[in-house]
């Protein structure tokens, strides 16, 4: 009788093990992926899918399942795809990529979306911006200013659609500036505004007045002094030590060039911009160097780009690297929490940190900020500062 009981117990134990294994197998970590796969931006969507597959392969865990849905870069299509993900018991989603696609996602309950946008204003409650936002960038600039004891900083802000985002970043980072100037991106208006900011006309007149004064003076060395002054464009100092230009690409170059025309050069005043994603066109612009900016970790970015190219024979965009890190972040959180019983939105309310390829993610109060590196382009070389 005792032997029969032991045998029954053993069989029961084996059955429980098999049953538990089946349950664990069924409890896959389902990650939704909302990306554009038709019409415009299809290539971005395909790159993100490839990167997510790479990340899952690197994690090497069969319990992860990715369910891909198309957004068509359309808010209504995005909503339809999100509801389909919910019906497939997905709790957390990477995407959508673009801010415009977030419009109706507050209608989808019990899902949280890690959007790749860097915009943070007007997000639905169940959407977290995972892009490199203005707060992250300005926190890094603030660190650079503090290290170098730079106190007289002016902030140049374009009158553009992301103006409110930058102002929010300034408030969150508590970056102290001497003054904030708004400017128009239209070239003729921009030039006049930069001249006013740098007090160019007064400094130009100062030079003319000083040359005239010397010409009329009895100074025995006046000819030598006049020749020295004639090599200058202006006379007098500007009332700042550094200038932060919250702009990108050709518009950034226009502002920096206008500063040069106003006789403010980057070898005498710090020229600082927002994240340029290692834009190689600035390497050729020697007259605008040195220029400083925050960005993701360059070494990791180059390693990822080379690996992606070897595997897929084309180069990725920066959004795909962000998606790689988000897979790792979700997996990390899944190890710490039971996604089946946990309110996923609460996962992003408590303070937490995660190290990815881009850098360190800081998570708190449903916000993701990035601890960025800081670089300068000088002598046509990209140099890491910290």
Protein backbone atom coordinates (compact mmCIF):
# COMPACT_ATOMS: atom_id res chain seq x y z
CA UNK A 1 0.00 0.00 0.00
CA UNK A 2 2.89 2.32 0.90
CA UNK A 3 4.60 1.53 -2.42
CA UNK A 4 1.39 2.33 -4.32
CA UNK A 5 1.09 5.65 -2.46
CA UNK A 6 4.69 6.55 -3.29
CA UNK A 7 4.09 5.65 -6.92
CA UNK A 8 0.95 7.80 -7.06
CA UNK A 9 2.80 10.69 -5.38
CA UNK A 10 5.64 10.38 -7.89
CA UNK A 11 3.21 10.36 -10.82
CA UNK A 12 1.38 13.35 -9.38
CA UNK A 13 4.69 15.23 -8.92
CA UNK A 14 5.71 14.49 -12.53
CA UNK A 15 2.32 15.66 -13.78
CA UNK A 16 2.65 18.91 -11.81
CA UNK A 17 6.08 19.53 -13.32
CA UNK A 18 4.78 18.90 -16.85
CA UNK A 19 1.73 21.09 -16.18
CA UNK A 20 3.86 23.93 -14.77
CA UNK A 21 6.18 23.74 -17.78
CA UNK A 22 3.18 24.01 -20.10
CA UNK A 23 1.88 27.00 -18.13
CA UNK A 24 5.27 28.70 -18.29
CA UNK A 25 5.46 27.98 -22.01
CA UNK A 26 2.06 29.56 -22.49
CA UNK A 27 3.04 32.61 -20.42
CA UNK A 28 5.12 34.15 -23.15
CA UNK A 29 6.31 37.71 -22.90
CA UNK A 30 4.31 39.28 -25.70
CA UNK A 31 5.67 42.53 -27.07
CA UNK A 32 3.54 44.51 -29.50
CA UNK A 33 5.27 46.43 -32.27
CA UNK A 34 3.45 49.30 -33.99
CA UNK A 35 5.43 50.50 -37.02
CA UNK A 36 4.70 51.89 -40.50
CA UNK A 37 4.76 49.03 -43.02
CA UNK A 38 2.82 50.59 -45.88
CA UNK A 39 2.77 53.92 -47.69
CA UNK A 40 5.30 56.42 -46.32
CA UNK A 41 8.06 55.54 -43.84
CA UNK A 42 7.92 51.83 -44.68
CA UNK A 43 11.70 51.57 -44.63
CA UNK A 44 11.83 52.89 -41.05
CA UNK A 45 9.30 50.26 -40.00
CA UNK A 46 11.25 47.43 -41.64
CA UNK A 47 14.49 48.56 -39.99
CA UNK A 48 12.82 48.60 -36.59
CA UNK A 49 11.48 45.07 -37.10
CA UNK A 50 14.95 43.83 -38.06
CA UNK A 51 16.48 45.50 -35.02
CA UNK A 52 13.87 44.08 -32.65
CA UNK A 53 14.61 40.60 -34.05
CA UNK A 54 18.32 41.22 -33.41
CA UNK A 55 17.60 42.23 -29.82
CA UNK A 56 15.49 39.11 -29.17
CA UNK A 57 18.20 36.93 -30.70
CA UNK A 58 20.76 38.54 -28.37
CA UNK A 59 18.55 37.97 -25.32
CA UNK A 60 18.22 34.32 -26.46
CA UNK A 61 15.00 33.52 -24.63
CA UNK A 62 12.26 31.56 -26.40
CA UNK A 63 9.60 33.02 -24.11
CA UNK A 64 9.63 36.36 -25.98
CA UNK A 65 7.09 36.79 -28.76
CA UNK A 66 6.81 39.88 -30.93
CA UNK A 67 3.51 40.70 -32.64
CA UNK A 68 3.89 43.25 -35.43
CA UNK A 69 1.10 45.53 -36.59
CA UNK A 70 1.06 48.22 -39.28
CA UNK A 71 0.28 51.86 -38.47
CA UNK A 72 0.43 53.12 -42.08
CA UNK A 73 1.52 56.42 -40.47
CA UNK A 74 -2.21 56.95 -39.87
CA UNK A 75 -3.81 57.57 -36.43
CA UNK A 76 -7.00 55.61 -37.15
CA UNK A 77 -5.09 52.65 -38.55
CA UNK A 78 -2.84 52.83 -35.49
CA UNK A 79 -5.88 52.61 -33.18
CA UNK A 80 -7.23 49.60 -35.09
CA UNK A 81 -3.88 47.81 -34.86
CA UNK A 82 -3.55 48.64 -31.15
CA UNK A 83 -6.97 47.11 -30.43
CA UNK A 84 -5.88 43.98 -32.30
CA UNK A 85 -2.82 43.75 -30.06
CA UNK A 86 -5.00 44.07 -26.99
CA UNK A 87 -7.17 41.18 -28.23
CA UNK A 88 -4.01 39.08 -28.47
CA UNK A 89 -3.29 39.71 -24.75
CA UNK A 90 -0.41 42.11 -25.36
CA UNK A 91 0.32 44.35 -22.37
CA UNK A 92 3.17 46.51 -23.63
CA UNK A 93 3.89 47.93 -27.07
CA UNK A 94 6.94 49.46 -28.76
CA UNK A 95 5.63 52.26 -30.93
CA UNK A 96 4.11 54.08 -32.61
CA UNK A 97 7.08 55.82 -34.16
CA UNK A 98 5.54 59.24 -34.81
CA UNK A 99 3.74 61.66 -32.52
CA UNK A 100 0.83 62.12 -34.96
CA UNK A 101 -0.11 58.45 -34.57
CA UNK A 102 -0.76 58.76 -30.82
CA UNK A 103 -4.00 60.69 -31.27
CA UNK A 104 -6.54 57.97 -30.39
CA UNK A 105 -4.49 55.63 -28.20
CA UNK A 106 -6.14 56.82 -24.98
CA UNK A 107 -9.11 54.73 -26.15
CA UNK A 108 -7.08 51.53 -25.65
CA UNK A 109 -7.21 50.46 -22.01
CA UNK A 110 -4.74 48.14 -20.25
CA UNK A 111 -1.97 48.73 -22.79
CA UNK A 112 1.09 50.90 -22.42
CA UNK A 113 2.88 52.29 -25.46
CA UNK A 114 6.59 53.13 -25.54
CA UNK A 115 6.56 55.57 -28.43
CA UNK A 116 9.79 56.40 -30.24
CA UNK A 117 8.86 60.09 -30.40
CA UNK A 118 10.88 62.59 -28.39
CA UNK A 119 7.85 64.84 -27.85
CA UNK A 120 6.44 64.84 -24.33
CA UNK A 121 3.60 67.39 -24.41
CA UNK A 122 0.01 66.28 -24.91
CA UNK A 123 0.66 62.54 -24.69
CA UNK A 124 -2.20 60.16 -23.85
CA UNK A 125 -1.90 58.77 -20.31
CA UNK A 126 -0.96 55.32 -21.59
CA UNK A 127 1.86 56.60 -23.83
CA UNK A 128 5.44 57.13 -22.68
CA UNK A 129 7.87 59.03 -24.87
CA UNK A 130 11.07 56.99 -25.20
CA UNK A 131 12.88 59.32 -27.63
CA UNK A 132 15.81 61.52 -26.67
CA UNK A 133 13.77 64.43 -25.34
CA UNK A 134 14.76 68.04 -24.66
CA UNK A 135 15.04 67.49 -20.89
CA UNK A 136 17.64 64.76 -21.41
CA UNK A 137 19.66 66.95 -23.75
CA UNK A 138 19.50 70.07 -21.60
CA UNK A 139 20.42 68.09 -18.46
CA UNK A 140 23.60 67.03 -20.25
CA UNK A 141 24.36 70.57 -21.44
CA UNK A 142 23.80 71.81 -17.89
CA UNK A 143 26.39 69.30 -16.65
CA UNK A 144 28.92 70.56 -19.24
CA UNK A 145 28.35 74.19 -18.25
CA UNK A 146 28.80 73.33 -14.58
CA UNK A 147 32.03 71.38 -15.15
CA UNK A 148 33.52 74.27 -17.12
CA UNK A 149 32.09 76.95 -14.78
CA UNK A 150 30.37 78.72 -17.69
CA UNK A 151 27.86 81.19 -16.25
CA UNK A 152 26.95 83.69 -18.96
CA UNK A 153 24.92 81.62 -21.39
CA UNK A 154 22.36 82.87 -23.89
CA UNK A 155 19.78 80.52 -25.36
CA UNK A 156 18.66 80.88 -28.98
CA UNK A 157 15.28 79.30 -29.59
CA UNK A 158 13.69 79.11 -33.06
CA UNK A 159 10.08 80.21 -33.35
CA UNK A 160 9.03 76.80 -34.55
CA UNK A 161 6.65 73.95 -33.77
CA UNK A 162 8.91 72.36 -31.11
CA UNK A 163 9.36 75.63 -29.19
CA UNK A 164 7.06 74.45 -26.35
CA UNK A 165 9.01 71.20 -25.98
CA UNK A 166 12.29 73.09 -25.56
CA UNK A 167 10.73 75.42 -23.00
CA UNK A 168 9.49 72.41 -21.04
CA UNK A 169 13.01 70.95 -21.14
CA UNK A 170 14.44 74.23 -19.85
CA UNK A 171 11.97 74.17 -16.96
CA UNK A 172 12.61 70.50 -16.10
CA UNK A 173 16.39 70.76 -16.32
CA UNK A 174 16.50 74.06 -14.40
CA UNK A 175 19.19 75.23 -16.78
CA UNK A 176 20.15 78.80 -15.89
CA UNK A 177 20.60 81.18 -18.81
CA UNK A 178 21.40 84.87 -19.01
CA UNK A 179 18.63 85.37 -21.53
CA UNK A 180 16.44 83.40 -23.96
CA UNK A 181 16.05 84.85 -27.44
CA UNK A 182 13.47 83.70 -29.96
CA UNK A 183 14.47 84.00 -33.61
CA UNK A 184 12.98 83.56 -37.07
CA UNK A 185 14.49 80.95 -39.35
CA UNK A 186 13.95 83.15 -42.43
CA UNK A 187 17.52 84.26 -43.37
CA UNK A 188 17.08 88.06 -43.66
CA UNK A 189 15.14 88.27 -40.39
CA UNK A 190 17.62 85.93 -38.70
CA UNK A 191 20.63 88.06 -39.62
CA UNK A 192 19.07 91.22 -38.17
CA UNK A 193 18.07 89.40 -34.98
CA UNK A 194 21.55 87.94 -34.44
CA UNK A 195 23.07 91.40 -35.00
CA UNK A 196 20.81 92.75 -32.27
CA UNK A 197 21.58 89.89 -29.87
CA UNK A 198 25.34 90.37 -30.34
CA UNK A 199 25.14 94.18 -30.26
CA UNK A 200 26.92 94.08 -33.61
CA UNK A 201 26.18 97.61 -34.89
CA UNK A 202 27.41 99.20 -31.68
CA UNK A 203 30.60 97.15 -31.71
CA UNK A 204 31.11 97.96 -35.39
CA UNK A 205 30.69 101.68 -34.66
CA UNK A 206 33.08 101.38 -31.71
CA UNK A 207 35.77 100.21 -34.11
CA UNK A 208 35.18 103.09 -36.50
CA UNK A 209 35.19 105.60 -33.65
CA UNK A 210 38.43 104.23 -32.21
CA UNK A 211 40.19 104.37 -35.58
CA UNK A 212 39.01 107.95 -36.07
CA UNK A 213 40.12 108.91 -32.55
CA UNK A 214 43.61 107.53 -33.19
CA UNK A 215 43.83 109.28 -36.55
CA UNK A 216 43.16 112.60 -34.84
CA UNK A 217 45.39 111.87 -31.87
CA UNK A 218 49.07 112.71 -31.21
CA UNK A 219 49.82 109.09 -30.26
CA UNK A 220 53.32 108.29 -31.70
CA UNK A 221 52.27 104.66 -32.32
CA UNK A 222 48.93 105.47 -33.90
CA UNK A 223 49.77 104.07 -37.36
CA UNK A 224 50.69 100.70 -35.88
CA UNK A 225 47.57 100.69 -33.71
CA UNK A 226 45.35 101.68 -36.62
CA UNK A 227 46.72 98.85 -38.75
CA UNK A 228 45.94 96.40 -35.94
CA UNK A 229 42.42 97.76 -35.62
CA UNK A 230 41.83 97.55 -39.37
CA UNK A 231 42.28 93.79 -39.12
CA UNK A 232 39.30 93.63 -36.79
CA UNK A 233 35.61 93.66 -37.66
CA UNK A 234 34.28 95.02 -34.38
CA UNK A 235 35.53 96.43 -31.12
CA UNK A 236 34.04 95.46 -27.79
CA UNK A 237 32.83 92.31 -26.07
CA UNK A 238 29.52 90.50 -26.22
CA UNK A 239 27.82 89.91 -22.88
CA UNK A 240 27.90 86.09 -22.94
CA UNK A 241 30.46 83.28 -22.75
CA UNK A 242 28.45 80.57 -24.45
CA UNK A 243 25.48 80.30 -26.78
CA UNK A 244 23.08 77.36 -26.94
CA UNK A 245 21.42 77.04 -30.34
CA UNK A 246 18.31 74.86 -30.11
CA UNK A 247 18.30 73.97 -33.78
CA UNK A 248 19.35 71.35 -36.31
CA UNK A 249 20.87 70.76 -39.74
CA UNK A 250 20.95 73.71 -42.17
CA UNK A 251 19.02 76.00 -39.85
CA UNK A 252 21.64 75.45 -37.14
CA UNK A 253 24.38 76.25 -39.65
CA UNK A 254 22.58 79.45 -40.62
CA UNK A 255 22.46 80.64 -37.01
CA UNK A 256 26.11 79.76 -36.38
CA UNK A 257 27.13 81.50 -39.63
CA UNK A 258 25.16 84.61 -38.62
CA UNK A 259 27.09 84.66 -35.35
CA UNK A 260 30.34 84.52 -37.33
CA UNK A 261 29.22 87.45 -39.49
CA UNK A 262 28.51 89.32 -36.26
CA UNK A 263 32.12 88.69 -35.22
CA UNK A 264 31.30 86.05 -32.61
CA UNK A 265 33.46 83.00 -33.27
CA UNK A 266 33.42 79.49 -31.74
CA UNK A 267 37.10 79.69 -30.82
CA UNK A 268 36.26 82.51 -28.36
CA UNK A 269 32.73 81.61 -27.25
CA UNK A 270 31.25 78.15 -26.74
CA UNK A 271 28.85 77.16 -29.52
CA UNK A 272 26.52 74.47 -28.14
CA UNK A 273 23.66 72.76 -29.97
CA UNK A 274 21.14 70.02 -29.27
CA UNK A 275 21.65 66.39 -30.28
CA UNK A 276 22.92 66.18 -33.88
CA UNK A 277 23.15 62.36 -34.12
CA UNK A 278 26.77 62.73 -35.30
CA UNK A 279 25.76 64.65 -38.42
CA UNK A 280 28.84 64.29 -40.60
CA UNK A 281 28.11 67.46 -42.58
CA UNK A 282 29.32 69.47 -39.57
CA UNK A 283 32.73 67.81 -39.80
CA UNK A 284 33.31 69.69 -43.06
CA UNK A 285 32.28 73.06 -41.58
CA UNK A 286 35.61 74.03 -40.04
CA UNK A 287 34.61 77.67 -39.62
CA UNK A 288 31.87 76.56 -37.17
CA UNK A 289 34.23 74.50 -35.03
CA UNK A 290 34.52 73.72 -32.24
CA UNK A 291 30.82 73.02 -31.71
CA UNK A 292 29.52 71.04 -28.73
CA UNK A 293 26.43 68.85 -28.33
CA UNK A 294 24.89 66.03 -26.25
CA UNK A 295 24.22 62.70 -27.92
CA UNK A 296 23.91 58.96 -27.47
CA UNK A 297 27.04 56.86 -26.97
CA UNK A 298 28.99 57.13 -30.25
CA UNK A 299 30.96 53.93 -29.83
CA UNK A 300 27.81 51.87 -29.27
CA UNK A 301 26.10 53.57 -32.21
CA UNK A 302 29.01 52.78 -34.56
CA UNK A 303 29.16 49.15 -33.38
CA UNK A 304 25.43 48.75 -33.92
CA UNK A 305 25.56 50.38 -37.37
CA UNK A 306 28.38 48.08 -38.52
CA UNK A 307 26.61 45.01 -37.20
CA UNK A 308 23.33 45.99 -38.85
CA UNK A 309 25.06 46.62 -42.16
CA UNK A 310 26.86 43.26 -42.13
CA UNK A 311 23.57 41.50 -41.48
CA UNK A 312 21.19 43.45 -43.74
CA UNK A 313 23.48 45.30 -46.22
CA UNK A 314 22.13 48.77 -45.45
CA UNK A 315 22.65 51.29 -42.67
CA UNK A 316 20.03 51.82 -39.94
CA UNK A 317 18.53 55.04 -38.65
CA UNK A 318 18.82 56.06 -35.00
CA UNK A 319 15.20 55.13 -34.23
CA UNK A 320 15.99 51.47 -34.81
CA UNK A 321 18.74 51.55 -32.17
CA UNK A 322 16.23 53.01 -29.74
CA UNK A 323 13.90 50.09 -30.44
CA UNK A 324 16.76 47.66 -29.69
CA UNK A 325 17.13 49.16 -26.22
CA UNK A 326 13.38 49.14 -25.60
CA UNK A 327 13.27 45.37 -26.11
CA UNK A 328 15.98 45.01 -23.49
CA UNK A 329 14.15 47.39 -21.15
CA UNK A 330 10.89 45.44 -21.44
CA UNK A 331 12.68 42.13 -20.86
CA UNK A 332 14.45 43.57 -17.80
CA UNK A 333 11.16 44.80 -16.35
CA UNK A 334 9.52 41.43 -17.06
CA UNK A 335 12.17 39.70 -14.96
CA UNK A 336 11.42 42.06 -12.09
CA UNK A 337 7.62 41.90 -12.41
CA UNK A 338 4.82 39.55 -13.45
CA UNK A 339 3.29 41.20 -16.53
CA UNK A 340 0.17 39.05 -16.24
CA UNK A 341 -0.80 40.43 -12.83
CA UNK A 342 0.99 43.79 -12.72
CA UNK A 343 -0.48 47.06 -13.94
CA UNK A 344 2.16 47.81 -16.57
CA UNK A 345 1.64 51.56 -16.27
CA UNK A 346 2.77 51.39 -12.65
CA UNK A 347 6.09 49.92 -13.80
CA UNK A 348 7.04 53.31 -15.17
CA UNK A 349 5.89 55.35 -12.18
CA UNK A 350 8.45 54.05 -9.72
CA UNK A 351 12.06 55.16 -9.99
CA UNK A 352 14.22 52.80 -11.99
CA UNK A 353 17.25 52.76 -14.30
CA UNK A 354 18.36 50.60 -17.20
CA UNK A 355 21.60 50.58 -19.20
CA UNK A 356 21.15 50.20 -22.95
CA UNK A 357 23.17 50.78 -26.11
CA UNK A 358 22.11 54.42 -26.26
CA UNK A 359 23.07 54.98 -22.63
CA UNK A 360 21.24 54.83 -19.32
CA UNK A 361 17.44 55.18 -19.20
CA UNK A 362 16.10 56.88 -16.08
CA UNK A 363 12.44 55.99 -15.45
CA UNK A 364 10.20 57.90 -13.08
CA UNK A 365 6.59 59.15 -13.02
CA UNK A 366 5.76 57.69 -16.43
CA UNK A 367 8.70 59.46 -18.06
CA UNK A 368 11.89 58.15 -19.65
CA UNK A 369 14.96 60.36 -19.69
CA UNK A 370 18.38 59.50 -21.04
CA UNK A 371 21.80 60.09 -19.54
CA UNK A 372 23.65 61.21 -22.63
CA UNK A 373 27.29 61.63 -23.55
CA UNK A 374 28.75 64.98 -24.59
CA UNK A 375 30.85 65.61 -27.70
CA UNK A 376 32.59 68.33 -29.63
CA UNK A 377 33.54 68.58 -33.28
CA UNK A 378 36.93 70.22 -33.58
CA UNK A 379 39.49 70.05 -36.35
CA UNK A 380 37.08 67.82 -38.26
CA UNK A 381 37.17 65.24 -35.47
CA UNK A 382 34.39 64.11 -33.12
CA UNK A 383 35.80 64.12 -29.59
CA UNK A 384 34.08 62.71 -26.53
CA UNK A 385 34.07 65.13 -23.58
CA UNK A 386 32.25 62.83 -21.11
